[in-house]
Every structure is written in C-alpha cells, then in structure tokens.
Protein backbone atom coordinates (compact mmCIF):
# COMPACT_ATOMS: atom_id res chain seq x y z
CA UNK A 1 -25.40 12.85 33.52
CA UNK A 2 -27.54 11.50 36.37
CA UNK A 3 -24.48 10.19 38.22
CA UNK A 4 -22.79 13.59 37.93
CA UNK A 5 -25.83 15.37 39.34
CA UNK A 6 -26.15 12.91 42.21
CA UNK A 7 -22.41 13.09 42.95
CA UNK A 8 -22.53 16.90 42.92
CA UNK A 9 -25.52 16.97 45.26
CA UNK A 10 -23.84 14.45 47.53
CA UNK A 11 -20.62 16.48 47.71
CA UNK A 12 -22.17 19.95 48.07
CA UNK A 13 -23.77 19.25 51.45
CA UNK A 14 -20.66 18.02 53.31
CA UNK A 15 -18.53 20.76 51.75
CA UNK A 16 -21.15 23.33 52.78
CA UNK A 17 -21.21 21.97 56.33
CA UNK A 18 -17.41 22.17 56.54
CA UNK A 19 -17.45 25.73 55.13
CA UNK A 20 -20.08 26.89 57.63
CA UNK A 21 -18.19 25.35 60.56
CA UNK A 22 -14.88 26.84 59.39
CA UNK A 23 -16.56 30.25 59.01
CA UNK A 24 -18.06 29.99 62.50
CA UNK A 25 -14.65 29.06 63.93
CA UNK A 26 -13.03 32.05 62.23
CA UNK A 27 -15.81 34.37 63.46
CA UNK A 28 -15.40 33.20 67.06
CA UNK A 29 -11.63 33.68 66.85
CA UNK A 30 -11.66 36.71 64.53
CA UNK A 31 -9.21 38.71 66.64
CA UNK A 32 -6.63 35.93 66.22
CA UNK A 33 -7.33 35.46 62.49
CA UNK A 34 -7.41 39.20 61.76
CA UNK A 35 -3.63 39.60 61.47
CA UNK A 36 -3.32 36.44 59.34
CA UNK A 37 -6.05 37.55 56.96
CA UNK A 38 -4.49 41.02 56.67
CA UNK A 39 -1.09 39.42 55.99
CA UNK A 40 -2.67 37.28 53.26
CA UNK A 41 -4.23 40.42 51.77
CA UNK A 42 -0.80 42.08 51.80
CA UNK A 43 0.80 39.07 50.12
CA UNK A 44 -1.99 38.87 47.56
CA UNK A 45 -1.55 42.56 46.73
CA UNK A 46 2.20 42.11 46.34
CA UNK A 47 1.74 39.17 43.99
CA UNK A 48 -1.09 40.52 41.83
CA UNK A 49 0.18 44.09 41.60
CA UNK A 50 3.78 42.92 41.26
CA UNK A 51 2.93 40.70 38.31
CA UNK A 52 1.00 43.54 36.69
CA UNK A 53 3.87 45.99 37.23
CA UNK A 54 6.37 43.47 35.87
CA UNK A 55 4.24 42.98 32.75
CA UNK A 56 3.85 46.74 32.29
CA UNK A 57 7.62 47.23 32.55
CA UNK A 58 8.15 44.49 29.95
CA UNK A 59 5.58 46.14 27.71
CA UNK A 60 7.33 49.50 28.09
CA UNK A 61 10.70 47.94 27.26
CA UNK A 62 9.25 46.46 24.06
CA UNK A 63 7.20 49.42 22.86
CA UNK A 64 9.61 52.25 23.72
CA UNK A 65 13.09 50.74 24.11
CA UNK A 66 15.16 53.97 23.99
CA UNK A 67 12.90 55.77 26.45
CA UNK A 68 12.74 52.73 28.72
CA UNK A 69 16.53 52.31 28.69
CA UNK A 70 16.99 55.94 29.67
CA UNK A 71 14.46 55.91 32.52
CA UNK A 72 14.61 52.21 33.47
CA UNK A 73 15.59 52.68 37.12
CA UNK A 74 13.01 55.43 37.65
CA UNK A 75 10.28 53.23 36.14
CA UNK A 76 11.29 50.27 38.30
CA UNK A 77 11.44 52.47 41.40
CA UNK A 78 8.01 54.02 40.77
CA UNK A 79 6.48 50.61 39.99
CA UNK A 80 7.97 49.13 43.16
CA UNK A 81 6.71 52.02 45.26
CA UNK A 82 3.19 51.77 43.81
CA UNK A 83 3.10 47.99 44.35
CA UNK A 84 4.29 48.32 47.96
CA UNK A 85 1.87 51.14 48.80
CA UNK A 86 -1.19 49.49 47.26
CA UNK A 87 -0.41 46.12 48.88
CA UNK A 88 0.24 47.70 52.28
CA UNK A 89 -2.93 49.79 51.97
CA UNK A 90 -4.96 46.70 51.09
CA UNK A 91 -3.58 44.75 54.03
CA UNK A 92 -4.12 47.61 56.49
CA UNK A 93 -7.65 48.37 55.30
CA UNK A 94 -8.50 44.66 55.49
CA UNK A 95 -7.20 44.63 59.06
CA UNK A 96 -9.38 47.64 59.90
CA UNK A 97 -12.44 46.14 58.22
CA UNK A 98 -12.26 43.00 60.37
CA UNK A 99 -12.21 44.76 63.74
CA UNK A 100 -15.81 43.94 64.75
CA UNK A 101 -17.36 40.54 64.02
CA UNK A 102 -20.85 41.96 64.58
CA UNK A 103 -20.40 44.32 61.62
CA UNK A 104 -19.50 41.62 59.11
CA UNK A 105 -19.84 41.57 56.19
CA UNK A 106 -18.05 44.90 56.39
CA UNK A 107 -18.43 47.32 53.47
CA UNK A 108 -14.78 48.41 53.75
CA UNK A 109 -13.47 44.84 53.59
CA UNK A 110 -15.67 43.95 50.64
CA UNK A 111 -14.71 47.15 48.79
CA UNK A 112 -10.98 46.67 49.47
CA UNK A 113 -11.06 43.02 48.39
CA UNK A 114 -12.97 43.91 45.22
CA UNK A 115 -10.57 46.75 44.46
CA UNK A 116 -7.52 44.56 45.10
CA UNK A 117 -8.69 41.91 42.66
CA UNK A 118 -10.00 44.28 39.98
CA UNK A 119 -7.10 46.78 39.95
CA UNK A 120 -4.50 44.53 38.27
CA UNK A 121 -6.99 43.43 35.62
CA UNK A 122 -8.13 47.01 34.94
CA UNK A 123 -4.55 48.28 34.63
CA UNK A 124 -3.59 45.39 32.35
CA UNK A 125 -6.69 45.86 30.21
CA UNK A 126 -6.08 49.60 29.83
CA UNK A 127 -2.38 49.10 29.05
CA UNK A 128 -3.13 46.44 26.44
CA UNK A 129 -5.66 48.74 24.78
CA UNK A 130 -3.21 51.65 24.74
CA UNK A 131 -0.50 49.40 23.28
CA UNK A 132 -2.88 48.08 20.63
CA UNK A 133 -2.86 44.53 21.93
CA UNK A 134 -6.02 42.47 22.20
CA UNK A 135 -7.34 40.39 25.03
CA UNK A 136 -7.29 40.82 28.76
CA UNK A 137 -4.66 38.39 30.02
CA UNK A 138 -1.08 39.44 29.22
CA UNK A 139 0.56 36.66 27.26
CA UNK A 140 3.40 36.80 24.79
CA UNK A 141 2.12 37.67 21.37
CA UNK A 142 2.51 35.16 18.52
CA UNK A 143 6.04 35.21 17.21
CA UNK A 144 7.48 35.80 20.67
CA UNK A 145 10.75 37.68 21.08
CA UNK A 146 12.31 36.51 17.84
CA UNK A 147 13.03 39.21 15.32
CA UNK A 148 13.24 38.48 11.65
CA UNK A 149 12.45 35.28 9.83
CA UNK A 150 13.20 31.98 11.49
CA UNK A 151 15.80 29.74 9.88
CA UNK A 152 14.52 27.29 7.32
CA UNK A 153 14.26 23.67 8.16
CA UNK A 154 17.59 21.94 7.77
CA UNK A 155 19.51 25.23 7.49
CA UNK A 156 22.63 25.65 9.53
CA UNK A 157 22.49 28.18 12.31
CA UNK A 158 25.77 29.72 13.38
CA UNK A 159 26.22 30.12 17.10
CA UNK A 160 28.59 32.96 17.79
C-alpha cells in the first residue's frame, strides 16, 4: 500500500507539470488550436450520437419489426439528420466558445461539452426505460438474437 501511495505521489507531480505546460501552450496558440478542437468536438458528436442512433434503430427493429420495416428508410434518414445536426452544432458552438482566451473557461463551451456527453446517455437511458430494459449501457440482452430453444448437446443441426 505504501509503495502505491508513494508511486502515485511521485507520478502526479510530473504529469501535473506536463498538463499545465500543455494547457499554457494551447492557451497561447488558441487561435490555431480552435479549429482542431472544434473538429474533435464534431467527430465526438458524430461518434457518440451515431452509436446512440444505431442502437435506437436496432431497438426499434427488435421491438416493432413490422412498423420498422415499413418506415425503415424514414427512420434512418431522420436519425442521420439528427446526428449530423447535433454534431455540427456541437462543433460550431465549441468553435464560438473558444474565441477569446481571456474568457476561458467559457460557459458556452462547458455547457456544450456537458450536453454533448450527456445527450447520448440520456437518450439511451430513456429508450431503455420505455422498452422495459434495465441498465444504462446498451448491451445485447441475455439470450442474444437466437429465437427458440438452443439445440441439445450432441444433437445434429441441419444447415440449409
């Protein structure tokens, strides 16, 4: 235990020094980093919201197959549009929030970043509650995609 505490204390200081120097470098060159940070926010929004939309579409296809089959392309189109708009909005608002280094931490940037990370979890949580599934993280439920009983051990399975 003592070695772990000493190792942690020994590592925290150099990591903190590196973090402070990296932050100072970014602050001095904020105008150059601004586009890169906004692009990362856009990419992050595409990934997080895209994964959430993909999971919601899978959930819809499992819980309401006939309805989903009928309106599949509309659902995919609406999901794609929502993902693109929210990701673009997050990237743009991040870009705006980083315009003045003297105003950092900027309320807009903090709010947008918080919203971008909480939105996918909130949507997933609400969808899982409405579908009657437990938990927060969308994982395949026990039993997976198989329907019906699994073949008994040693039984022959025909592959047609």
